[in-house]
Protein backbone atom coordinates (compact mmCIF):
# COMPACT_ATOMS: atom_id res chain seq x y z
CA MET A 1 104.06 93.51 -14.49
CA ASN A 2 103.01 92.48 -18.15
CA GLU A 3 101.96 94.63 -20.34
CA ASN A 4 98.02 93.66 -19.86
CA ASP A 5 98.14 94.43 -16.05
CA LEU A 6 100.35 98.03 -17.08
CA ARG A 7 97.34 98.37 -19.65
CA ASP A 8 94.40 97.64 -16.53
CA CYS A 9 96.56 100.15 -13.94
CA PHE A 10 96.67 103.33 -16.76
CA ALA A 11 93.15 102.70 -17.57
CA MET A 12 92.21 102.66 -13.89
CA PHE A 13 93.91 105.69 -13.30
CA SER A 14 92.40 107.54 -16.49
CA MET A 15 89.08 106.05 -15.48
CA VAL A 16 89.39 108.15 -12.60
CA GLY A 17 90.04 111.87 -14.00
CA LEU A 18 87.41 110.97 -16.03
CA VAL A 19 84.74 109.94 -13.75
CA MET A 20 85.82 113.64 -11.53
CA ALA A 21 85.66 115.79 -15.06
CA TYR A 22 82.58 114.19 -16.55
CA LYS A 23 80.16 111.71 -14.62
CA ASP A 24 77.53 113.33 -14.45
CA ASN A 25 77.87 113.78 -18.61
CA HIS A 26 78.50 110.78 -19.24
CA PRO A 27 77.46 107.10 -19.03
CA GLU A 28 80.37 104.54 -17.15
CA ASP A 29 80.66 102.42 -20.27
CA VAL A 30 81.25 105.62 -22.30
CA LEU A 31 84.21 106.43 -20.01
CA ALA A 32 85.40 103.66 -19.48
CA ASP A 33 85.81 102.68 -23.33
CA ARG A 34 87.76 106.47 -23.21
CA ALA A 35 89.82 105.00 -20.34
CA PHE A 36 90.97 101.97 -22.00
CA LYS A 37 91.54 104.44 -25.46
CA LEU A 38 94.16 106.46 -23.27
CA ALA A 39 96.04 103.73 -21.88
CA ASP A 40 96.42 102.22 -25.16
CA ALA A 41 97.68 105.21 -26.08
CA MET A 42 99.82 105.59 -22.72
CA LEU A 43 101.24 102.33 -23.60
CA GLU A 44 101.90 103.51 -26.96
CA ALA A 45 103.71 106.28 -25.47
CA ARG A 46 105.50 104.35 -23.47
CA LYS A 47 107.15 102.39 -26.63
CA GLY A 48 109.61 105.87 -26.71
CA ASN A 49 109.22 105.84 -30.78
CA GLY A 50 109.85 109.78 -29.68
CA SER A 51 106.86 111.23 -31.73
CA ILE A 52 104.99 111.71 -28.53
CA GLY A 53 105.65 112.54 -24.84
CA LEU A 54 108.59 113.71 -23.26
CA PRO A 55 112.04 112.08 -24.08
CA PRO A 56 113.63 109.83 -21.79
CA VAL A 57 114.72 110.78 -18.72
CA ARG A 58 118.55 110.24 -18.44
CA ALA A 59 120.04 109.39 -15.27
CA ARG A 60 122.02 111.96 -13.35
CA LYS A 61 125.79 111.60 -12.54
CA VAL A 62 126.72 112.35 -9.59
CA LYS A 63 130.11 114.46 -8.79
CA THR A 64 132.55 113.44 -6.35
CA LYS A 65 134.42 115.21 -4.15
């Protein structure tokens, strides 16, 4: 999946939440614009600059008997 596809995917999920929360108070074009702004923020957070979001999840070491 390339970055544009991932951005569209993030925007799609953001749009679902925005429509559920604000569909009666905001026009669709405003919600779509906000969904892509959220998607851009998610892509930025994904770069792992450490200033926002959770630290990377580390794989658990499996103990052998």
